[in-house]
Amino acid sequence: MPKYLSKIKNEIEDEYNLVREMQIEEQNEKDRQKFLMPEAERQELIAALKKKWETLHHQFQEKTHYLMPLDTIGKKNRMDALTREMDVLENDIKKLQKNFIFVDTTQPSSVW
């Protein structure tokens, strides 16, 4: 094999190694930014979400048990908003029921 080909081959291999090292370092950095949520914090969060859901459910029941007709768009929108928010809370509670919850600090937090 000619010398220039072996030299080019070695350069390409060195570049591949450099890229692999960079990818490994990047993955390690991402892994350092993730951590397991403590069990106490997870239980506290679940309790807070359940309390919020109970409050919304109470509001929902008040609106439905007064037998007020949903004759205006505003009333319908408020009922829809309550049911949507309760559904979101139920989904969040289900997600938190898993044994291991990892927190990713690289993702932007969603505030609502």
C-alpha atoms as a PDB file:
ATOM      1  CA  MET A   1       0.000   0.000   0.000  1.00  0.00           C
ATOM      2  CA  PRO A   2       1.354   3.441  -0.838  1.00  0.00           C
ATOM      3  CA  LYS A   3       2.498   5.646   2.022  1.00  0.00           C
ATOM      4  CA  TYR A   4       0.097   8.479   1.260  1.00  0.00           C
ATOM      5  CA  LEU A   5      -2.883   6.089   1.472  1.00  0.00           C
ATOM      6  CA  SER A   6      -1.829   4.741   4.853  1.00  0.00           C
ATOM      7  CA  LYS A   7      -1.275   8.322   6.041  1.00  0.00           C
ATOM      8  CA  ILE A   8      -4.778   9.325   4.886  1.00  0.00           C
ATOM      9  CA  LYS A   9      -6.223   6.187   6.441  1.00  0.00           C
ATOM     10  CA  ASN A  10      -4.579   7.026   9.781  1.00  0.00           C
ATOM     11  CA  GLU A  11      -5.847  10.618   9.615  1.00  0.00           C
ATOM     12  CA  ILE A  12      -9.399   9.411   8.951  1.00  0.00           C
ATOM     13  CA  GLU A  13      -9.160   6.955  11.832  1.00  0.00           C
ATOM     14  CA  ASP A  14      -7.879   9.708  14.129  1.00  0.00           C
ATOM     15  CA  GLU A  15     -10.816  11.915  13.119  1.00  0.00           C
ATOM     16  CA  TYR A  16     -13.277   9.082  13.816  1.00  0.00           C
ATOM     17  CA  ASN A  17     -11.707   8.560  17.238  1.00  0.00           C
ATOM     18  CA  LEU A  18     -11.940  12.274  17.975  1.00  0.00           C
ATOM     19  CA  VAL A  19     -15.607  12.352  16.963  1.00  0.00           C
ATOM     20  CA  ARG A  20     -16.345   9.273  19.123  1.00  0.00           C
ATOM     21  CA  GLU A  21     -14.619  10.866  22.105  1.00  0.00           C
ATOM     22  CA  MET A  22     -16.616  14.061  21.614  1.00  0.00           C
ATOM     23  CA  GLN A  23     -19.870  12.081  21.434  1.00  0.00           C
ATOM     24  CA  ILE A  24     -18.996  10.155  24.587  1.00  0.00           C
ATOM     25  CA  GLU A  25     -18.130  13.372  26.414  1.00  0.00           C
ATOM     26  CA  GLU A  26     -21.378  14.990  25.258  1.00  0.00           C
ATOM     27  CA  GLN A  27     -23.386  11.976  26.440  1.00  0.00           C
ATOM     28  CA  ASN A  28     -21.603  12.027  29.793  1.00  0.00           C
ATOM     29  CA  GLU A  29     -22.459  15.713  30.182  1.00  0.00           C
ATOM     30  CA  LYS A  30     -26.128  14.989  29.425  1.00  0.00           C
ATOM     31  CA  ASP A  31     -26.110  12.148  31.955  1.00  0.00           C
ATOM     32  CA  ARG A  32     -24.707  14.457  34.632  1.00  0.00           C
ATOM     33  CA  GLN A  33     -27.646  16.813  34.055  1.00  0.00           C
ATOM     34  CA  LYS A  34     -30.213  14.089  34.823  1.00  0.00           C
ATOM     35  CA  PHE A  35     -30.932  12.769  38.274  1.00  0.00           C
ATOM     36  CA  LEU A  36     -33.363  10.474  40.035  1.00  0.00           C
ATOM     37  CA  MET A  37     -36.168  12.305  41.827  1.00  0.00           C
ATOM     38  CA  PRO A  38     -36.092  11.532  45.555  1.00  0.00           C
ATOM     39  CA  GLU A  39     -38.972   9.360  46.773  1.00  0.00           C
ATOM     40  CA  ALA A  40     -40.093  11.934  49.354  1.00  0.00           C
ATOM     41  CA  GLU A  41     -40.267  14.656  46.716  1.00  0.00           C
ATOM     42  CA  ARG A  42     -42.189  12.355  44.357  1.00  0.00           C
ATOM     43  CA  GLN A  43     -44.743  11.507  47.066  1.00  0.00           C
ATOM     44  CA  GLU A  44     -45.076  15.183  48.003  1.00  0.00           C
ATOM     45  CA  LEU A  45     -45.680  16.125  44.384  1.00  0.00           C
ATOM     46  CA  ILE A  46     -48.293  13.388  43.974  1.00  0.00           C
ATOM     47  CA  ALA A  47     -50.075  14.557  47.135  1.00  0.00           C
ATOM     48  CA  ALA A  48     -50.097  18.173  45.910  1.00  0.00           C
ATOM     49  CA  LEU A  49     -51.461  17.159  42.495  1.00  0.00           C
ATOM     50  CA  LYS A  50     -54.183  15.046  44.116  1.00  0.00           C
ATOM     51  CA  LYS A  51     -55.160  17.947  46.364  1.00  0.00           C
ATOM     52  CA  LYS A  52     -55.376  20.274  43.353  1.00  0.00           C
ATOM     53  CA  TRP A  53     -57.452  17.666  41.485  1.00  0.00           C
ATOM     54  CA  GLU A  54     -59.831  17.368  44.466  1.00  0.00           C
ATOM     55  CA  THR A  55     -60.272  21.148  44.517  1.00  0.00           C
ATOM     56  CA  LEU A  56     -61.080  21.216  40.812  1.00  0.00           C
ATOM     57  CA  HIS A  57     -63.372  18.217  41.181  1.00  0.00           C
ATOM     58  CA  HIS A  58     -65.235  20.000  43.982  1.00  0.00           C
ATOM     59  CA  GLN A  59     -65.684  23.065  41.729  1.00  0.00           C
ATOM     60  CA  PHE A  60     -66.865  20.790  38.926  1.00  0.00           C
ATOM     61  CA  GLN A  61     -69.402  19.096  41.188  1.00  0.00           C
ATOM     62  CA  GLU A  62     -70.681  22.439  42.476  1.00  0.00           C
ATOM     63  CA  LYS A  63     -71.343  23.565  38.933  1.00  0.00           C
ATOM     64  CA  THR A  64     -73.079  20.344  37.921  1.00  0.00           C
ATOM     65  CA  HIS A  65     -75.111  19.814  41.125  1.00  0.00           C
ATOM     66  CA  TYR A  66     -76.675  23.228  41.097  1.00  0.00           C
ATOM     67  CA  LEU A  67     -78.491  21.970  38.017  1.00  0.00           C
ATOM     68  CA  MET A  68     -77.612  25.143  36.242  1.00  0.00           C
ATOM     69  CA  PRO A  69     -78.061  24.706  32.546  1.00  0.00           C
ATOM     70  CA  LEU A  70     -75.044  25.170  30.336  1.00  0.00           C
ATOM     71  CA  ASP A  71     -76.916  27.622  28.190  1.00  0.00           C
ATOM     72  CA  THR A  72     -74.151  30.138  27.574  1.00  0.00           C
ATOM     73  CA  ILE A  73     -70.823  29.767  25.861  1.00  0.00           C
ATOM     74  CA  GLY A  74     -69.038  31.087  28.959  1.00  0.00           C
ATOM     75  CA  LYS A  75     -70.509  28.362  31.184  1.00  0.00           C
ATOM     76  CA  LYS A  76     -69.642  25.678  28.654  1.00  0.00           C
ATOM     77  CA  ASN A  77     -66.087  27.007  28.322  1.00  0.00           C
ATOM     78  CA  ARG A  78     -65.598  27.051  32.094  1.00  0.00           C
ATOM     79  CA  MET A  79     -66.818  23.448  32.393  1.00  0.00           C
ATOM     80  CA  ASP A  80     -64.581  22.385  29.491  1.00  0.00           C
ATOM     81  CA  ALA A  81     -61.604  24.150  31.064  1.00  0.00           C
ATOM     82  CA  LEU A  82     -62.249  22.375  34.374  1.00  0.00           C
ATOM     83  CA  THR A  83     -62.461  18.951  32.719  1.00  0.00           C
ATOM     84  CA  ARG A  84     -59.327  19.595  30.646  1.00  0.00           C
ATOM     85  CA  GLU A  85     -57.348  20.696  33.696  1.00  0.00           C
ATOM     86  CA  MET A  86     -58.568  17.667  35.667  1.00  0.00           C
ATOM     87  CA  ASP A  87     -57.517  15.383  32.785  1.00  0.00           C
ATOM     88  CA  VAL A  88     -54.046  16.947  32.709  1.00  0.00           C
ATOM     89  CA  LEU A  89     -53.673  16.456  36.453  1.00  0.00           C
ATOM     90  CA  GLU A  90     -54.810  12.820  36.177  1.00  0.00           C
ATOM     91  CA  ASN A  91     -52.210  12.186  33.465  1.00  0.00           C
ATOM     92  CA  ASP A  92     -49.483  13.838  35.540  1.00  0.00           C
ATOM     93  CA  ILE A  93     -50.393  11.725  38.561  1.00  0.00           C
ATOM     94  CA  LYS A  94     -50.267   8.560  36.434  1.00  0.00           C
ATOM     95  CA  LYS A  95     -46.806   9.513  35.170  1.00  0.00           C
ATOM     96  CA  LEU A  96     -45.586  10.045  38.719  1.00  0.00           C
ATOM     97  CA  GLN A  97     -46.875   6.632  39.845  1.00  0.00           C
ATOM     98  CA  LYS A  98     -43.854   4.979  38.206  1.00  0.00           C
ATOM     99  CA  ASN A  99     -41.118   3.688  40.506  1.00  0.00           C
ATOM    100  CA  PHE A 100     -38.289   5.745  39.037  1.00  0.00           C
ATOM    101  CA  ILE A 101     -38.687   9.347  37.889  1.00  0.00           C
ATOM    102  CA  PHE A 102     -35.673  11.023  36.309  1.00  0.00           C
ATOM    103  CA  VAL A 103     -35.443  14.800  36.203  1.00  0.00           C
ATOM    104  CA  ASP A 104     -33.776  16.298  33.144  1.00  0.00           C
ATOM    105  CA  THR A 105     -32.380  19.733  33.941  1.00  0.00           C
ATOM    106  CA  THR A 106     -31.643  20.481  30.287  1.00  0.00           C
ATOM    107  CA  GLN A 107     -35.312  20.676  29.313  1.00  0.00           C
ATOM    108  CA  PRO A 108     -37.141  23.970  29.798  1.00  0.00           C
ATOM    109  CA  SER A 109     -39.772  23.820  32.511  1.00  0.00           C
ATOM    110  CA  SER A 110     -43.387  24.209  31.538  1.00  0.00           C
ATOM    111  CA  VAL A 111     -45.267  26.725  33.622  1.00  0.00           C
ATOM    112  CA  TRP A 112     -49.040  26.925  33.469  1.00  0.00           C
END
